[in-house]
């Protein structure tokens, strides 16, 4: 089982995840949504499309923009549509 944790709290957990460009992508059903809240940040990748971001929240602690998703990626990245990726101190193991 692969887990994404921050501040000792499991944010996501799945038997299998995908890595794209070195980042771990968890399927939507693996996410503990109570620890994510929308962030207004977006970014654009030339081959994946536009990503929208989430803050990771544990108690009063906030890791701003530490998760993102490609809701409607370009054709080349359709396998990660709706999957959540993590960075900025979120541990995946």
N, C-alpha and C. Protein backbone atom coordinates (compact mmCIF):
# COMPACT_ATOMS: atom_id res chain seq x y z
N UNK A 1 0.85 -1.18 0.00
CA UNK A 1 0.00 0.00 0.00
C UNK A 1 0.89 1.24 0.00
N UNK A 2 0.62 2.17 -0.88
CA UNK A 2 1.37 3.42 -0.96
C UNK A 2 0.56 4.51 -0.27
N UNK A 3 1.24 5.29 0.57
CA UNK A 3 0.57 6.34 1.33
C UNK A 3 1.24 7.69 1.09
N UNK A 4 0.42 8.73 1.06
CA UNK A 4 0.92 10.11 1.08
C UNK A 4 0.61 10.64 2.47
N UNK A 5 1.63 11.14 3.16
CA UNK A 5 1.44 11.65 4.52
C UNK A 5 2.05 13.04 4.65
N UNK A 6 1.47 13.79 5.56
CA UNK A 6 2.01 15.11 5.92
C UNK A 6 1.69 15.35 7.37
N UNK A 7 2.68 15.79 8.14
CA UNK A 7 2.50 16.04 9.57
C UNK A 7 1.98 14.80 10.29
N UNK A 8 2.39 13.60 9.83
CA UNK A 8 2.00 12.36 10.46
C UNK A 8 0.59 11.88 10.13
N UNK A 9 -0.08 12.55 9.21
CA UNK A 9 -1.45 12.20 8.85
C UNK A 9 -1.50 11.65 7.43
N UNK A 10 -2.21 10.56 7.24
CA UNK A 10 -2.37 9.98 5.91
C UNK A 10 -3.35 10.85 5.10
N UNK A 11 -2.89 11.31 3.96
CA UNK A 11 -3.69 12.16 3.07
C UNK A 11 -4.29 11.33 1.95
N UNK A 12 -3.57 10.30 1.52
CA UNK A 12 -4.03 9.40 0.46
C UNK A 12 -3.41 8.03 0.68
N UNK A 13 -4.12 6.99 0.20
CA UNK A 13 -3.64 5.63 0.38
C UNK A 13 -4.20 4.77 -0.76
N UNK A 14 -3.31 4.07 -1.46
CA UNK A 14 -3.73 3.25 -2.60
C UNK A 14 -2.79 2.06 -2.78
N UNK A 15 -3.31 0.95 -3.31
CA UNK A 15 -2.45 -0.20 -3.57
C UNK A 15 -1.51 0.05 -4.76
N UNK A 16 -1.89 0.97 -5.64
CA UNK A 16 -1.05 1.28 -6.80
C UNK A 16 -1.26 2.74 -7.18
N UNK A 17 -0.16 3.41 -7.54
CA UNK A 17 -0.23 4.79 -8.02
C UNK A 17 0.57 4.90 -9.30
N UNK A 18 0.45 6.04 -9.95
CA UNK A 18 1.21 6.29 -11.17
C UNK A 18 2.21 7.41 -10.90
N UNK A 19 3.38 7.30 -11.50
CA UNK A 19 4.36 8.38 -11.45
C UNK A 19 4.45 9.00 -12.84
N UNK A 20 4.33 10.31 -12.88
CA UNK A 20 4.46 11.06 -14.13
C UNK A 20 5.40 12.22 -13.86
N UNK A 21 6.43 12.34 -14.66
CA UNK A 21 7.45 13.38 -14.48
C UNK A 21 8.03 13.35 -13.07
N UNK A 22 8.08 12.15 -12.46
CA UNK A 22 8.66 11.99 -11.15
C UNK A 22 7.73 12.29 -9.98
N UNK A 23 6.48 12.64 -10.26
CA UNK A 23 5.52 12.95 -9.20
C UNK A 23 4.50 11.83 -9.06
N UNK A 24 4.11 11.53 -7.81
CA UNK A 24 3.15 10.46 -7.57
C UNK A 24 1.71 10.95 -7.77
N UNK A 25 0.92 10.21 -8.53
CA UNK A 25 -0.49 10.54 -8.77
C UNK A 25 -1.36 9.44 -8.18
N UNK A 26 -2.24 9.83 -7.26
CA UNK A 26 -3.16 8.90 -6.60
C UNK A 26 -4.53 8.99 -7.25
N UNK A 27 -5.20 7.86 -7.42
CA UNK A 27 -6.56 7.90 -7.97
C UNK A 27 -7.50 8.64 -7.01
N UNK A 28 -8.55 9.26 -7.54
CA UNK A 28 -9.44 10.06 -6.70
C UNK A 28 -10.04 9.31 -5.52
N UNK A 29 -10.32 8.02 -5.68
CA UNK A 29 -10.89 7.24 -4.59
C UNK A 29 -9.93 6.97 -3.45
N UNK A 30 -8.65 7.26 -3.65
CA UNK A 30 -7.63 7.03 -2.62
C UNK A 30 -7.41 8.25 -1.74
N UNK A 31 -8.02 9.36 -2.09
CA UNK A 31 -7.77 10.63 -1.41
C UNK A 31 -8.67 10.78 -0.18
N UNK A 32 -8.10 11.26 0.88
CA UNK A 32 -8.88 11.64 2.07
C UNK A 32 -9.19 13.13 1.91
N UNK A 33 -10.30 13.38 1.25
CA UNK A 33 -10.67 14.73 0.81
C UNK A 33 -10.82 15.73 1.94
N UNK A 34 -11.05 15.26 3.15
CA UNK A 34 -11.18 16.18 4.27
C UNK A 34 -9.87 16.92 4.56
N UNK A 35 -8.75 16.44 3.97
CA UNK A 35 -7.46 17.08 4.17
C UNK A 35 -7.04 17.95 2.98
N UNK A 36 -7.93 18.13 2.01
CA UNK A 36 -7.62 19.01 0.87
C UNK A 36 -8.67 20.11 0.78
N UNK A 37 -8.20 21.30 0.42
CA UNK A 37 -9.13 22.39 0.15
C UNK A 37 -8.64 23.12 -1.09
N UNK A 38 -9.55 23.63 -1.90
CA UNK A 38 -9.15 24.29 -3.14
C UNK A 38 -8.22 25.48 -2.90
N UNK A 39 -7.28 25.62 -3.81
CA UNK A 39 -6.35 26.73 -3.82
C UNK A 39 -6.53 27.41 -5.18
N UNK A 40 -6.48 28.73 -5.27
CA UNK A 40 -6.72 29.40 -6.55
C UNK A 40 -5.61 29.24 -7.60
N UNK A 41 -4.49 28.67 -7.21
CA UNK A 41 -3.35 28.54 -8.13
C UNK A 41 -3.68 27.59 -9.28
N UNK A 42 -3.18 27.92 -10.46
CA UNK A 42 -3.21 27.03 -11.62
C UNK A 42 -1.83 27.10 -12.28
N UNK A 43 -1.53 26.08 -13.08
CA UNK A 43 -0.31 26.09 -13.89
C UNK A 43 -0.61 25.33 -15.17
N UNK A 44 0.23 25.56 -16.17
CA UNK A 44 0.02 24.92 -17.46
C UNK A 44 1.27 24.14 -17.84
N UNK A 45 1.05 22.88 -18.22
CA UNK A 45 2.11 22.01 -18.73
C UNK A 45 1.84 21.83 -20.22
N UNK A 46 2.86 21.93 -21.02
CA UNK A 46 2.70 21.82 -22.47
C UNK A 46 2.09 20.52 -22.95
N UNK A 47 2.35 19.42 -22.25
CA UNK A 47 1.81 18.14 -22.74
C UNK A 47 0.69 17.58 -21.87
N UNK A 48 0.55 18.08 -20.62
CA UNK A 48 -0.53 17.59 -19.74
C UNK A 48 -1.74 18.51 -19.73
N UNK A 49 -1.54 19.80 -19.84
CA UNK A 49 -2.65 20.75 -19.81
C UNK A 49 -2.60 21.63 -18.58
N UNK A 50 -3.78 22.05 -18.12
CA UNK A 50 -3.88 22.97 -16.98
C UNK A 50 -4.15 22.20 -15.68
N UNK A 51 -3.33 22.49 -14.68
CA UNK A 51 -3.49 21.89 -13.35
C UNK A 51 -4.14 22.89 -12.42
N UNK A 52 -5.01 22.39 -11.56
CA UNK A 52 -5.54 23.19 -10.46
C UNK A 52 -5.00 22.61 -9.17
N UNK A 53 -4.88 23.46 -8.15
CA UNK A 53 -4.18 23.09 -6.92
C UNK A 53 -5.10 23.00 -5.71
N UNK A 54 -4.57 22.31 -4.70
CA UNK A 54 -5.22 22.19 -3.40
C UNK A 54 -4.20 22.49 -2.31
N UNK A 55 -4.68 23.01 -1.19
CA UNK A 55 -3.87 23.07 0.01
C UNK A 55 -4.06 21.75 0.74
N UNK A 56 -3.00 21.26 1.37
CA UNK A 56 -3.11 20.11 2.25
C UNK A 56 -3.26 20.66 3.67
N UNK A 57 -4.29 20.19 4.37
CA UNK A 57 -4.62 20.73 5.69
C UNK A 57 -4.66 19.60 6.72
N UNK A 58 -3.91 19.79 7.79
CA UNK A 58 -3.91 18.84 8.92
C UNK A 58 -4.07 19.69 10.18
N UNK A 59 -5.22 19.57 10.82
CA UNK A 59 -5.48 20.42 11.99
C UNK A 59 -5.45 21.88 11.58
N UNK A 60 -4.61 22.66 12.25
CA UNK A 60 -4.46 24.08 11.93
C UNK A 60 -3.32 24.34 10.94
N UNK A 61 -2.58 23.30 10.59
CA UNK A 61 -1.43 23.43 9.68
C UNK A 61 -1.89 23.38 8.22
N UNK A 62 -1.32 24.27 7.38
CA UNK A 62 -1.69 24.33 5.97
C UNK A 62 -0.42 24.29 5.12
N UNK A 63 -0.40 23.40 4.15
CA UNK A 63 0.68 23.30 3.18
C UNK A 63 0.08 23.78 1.85
N UNK A 64 0.22 25.08 1.59
CA UNK A 64 -0.45 25.73 0.46
C UNK A 64 0.04 25.19 -0.88
N UNK A 65 -0.90 24.77 -1.72
CA UNK A 65 -0.58 24.32 -3.07
C UNK A 65 0.21 23.03 -3.14
N UNK A 66 0.12 22.19 -2.13
CA UNK A 66 0.93 20.97 -2.07
C UNK A 66 0.34 19.80 -2.84
N UNK A 67 -0.83 19.99 -3.45
CA UNK A 67 -1.45 18.93 -4.25
C UNK A 67 -2.04 19.57 -5.50
N UNK A 68 -2.10 18.79 -6.58
CA UNK A 68 -2.71 19.30 -7.81
C UNK A 68 -3.37 18.18 -8.59
N UNK A 69 -4.19 18.61 -9.55
CA UNK A 69 -4.93 17.68 -10.38
C UNK A 69 -5.06 18.24 -11.79
N UNK A 70 -5.06 17.35 -12.77
CA UNK A 70 -5.42 17.68 -14.15
C UNK A 70 -6.80 17.08 -14.37
N UNK A 71 -7.83 17.89 -14.21
CA UNK A 71 -9.21 17.40 -14.35
C UNK A 71 -9.51 16.96 -15.78
N UNK A 72 -9.07 17.76 -16.73
CA UNK A 72 -9.29 17.45 -18.15
C UNK A 72 -7.97 17.62 -18.90
N UNK A 73 -7.07 16.66 -18.72
CA UNK A 73 -5.75 16.79 -19.34
C UNK A 73 -5.80 16.60 -20.85
N UNK A 74 -4.71 16.97 -21.48
CA UNK A 74 -4.56 16.70 -22.90
C UNK A 74 -4.50 15.19 -23.13
N UNK A 75 -4.69 14.78 -24.35
CA UNK A 75 -4.76 13.36 -24.71
C UNK A 75 -3.57 12.56 -24.19
N UNK A 76 -2.38 13.12 -24.25
CA UNK A 76 -1.17 12.40 -23.84
C UNK A 76 -1.15 12.07 -22.35
N UNK A 77 -1.93 12.80 -21.56
CA UNK A 77 -1.95 12.58 -20.11
C UNK A 77 -3.30 12.09 -19.60
N UNK A 78 -4.13 11.56 -20.48
CA UNK A 78 -5.48 11.18 -20.08
C UNK A 78 -5.49 10.11 -18.97
N UNK A 79 -4.43 9.34 -18.83
CA UNK A 79 -4.38 8.30 -17.79
C UNK A 79 -4.38 8.87 -16.38
N UNK A 80 -4.02 10.16 -16.22
CA UNK A 80 -4.01 10.76 -14.89
C UNK A 80 -5.16 11.74 -14.68
N UNK A 81 -6.14 11.73 -15.54
CA UNK A 81 -7.29 12.63 -15.37
C UNK A 81 -7.93 12.40 -14.01
N UNK A 82 -8.06 13.47 -13.23
CA UNK A 82 -8.68 13.38 -11.92
C UNK A 82 -7.80 12.84 -10.81
N UNK A 83 -6.60 12.38 -11.13
CA UNK A 83 -5.67 11.87 -10.12
C UNK A 83 -4.99 13.05 -9.41
N UNK A 84 -4.68 12.85 -8.14
CA UNK A 84 -4.08 13.91 -7.33
C UNK A 84 -2.60 13.62 -7.13
N UNK A 85 -1.77 14.63 -7.37
CA UNK A 85 -0.33 14.53 -7.15
C UNK A 85 0.07 15.39 -5.96
N UNK A 86 1.20 15.06 -5.35
CA UNK A 86 1.67 15.75 -4.16
C UNK A 86 3.13 16.15 -4.29
N UNK A 87 3.49 17.19 -3.55
CA UNK A 87 4.87 17.65 -3.43
C UNK A 87 4.97 18.51 -2.18
N UNK A 88 6.02 19.35 -2.07
CA UNK A 88 6.22 20.31 -0.98
C UNK A 88 6.16 19.67 0.41
N UNK A 89 6.91 18.62 0.60
CA UNK A 89 6.99 18.03 1.93
C UNK A 89 6.00 16.92 2.23
N UNK A 90 5.09 16.64 1.30
CA UNK A 90 4.21 15.50 1.48
C UNK A 90 5.03 14.26 1.14
N UNK A 91 5.10 13.31 2.06
CA UNK A 91 5.90 12.11 1.89
C UNK A 91 5.07 11.02 1.25
N UNK A 92 5.62 10.38 0.23
CA UNK A 92 4.95 9.25 -0.41
C UNK A 92 5.84 8.03 -0.25
N UNK A 93 5.29 7.00 0.37
CA UNK A 93 6.06 5.78 0.60
C UNK A 93 5.14 4.59 0.65
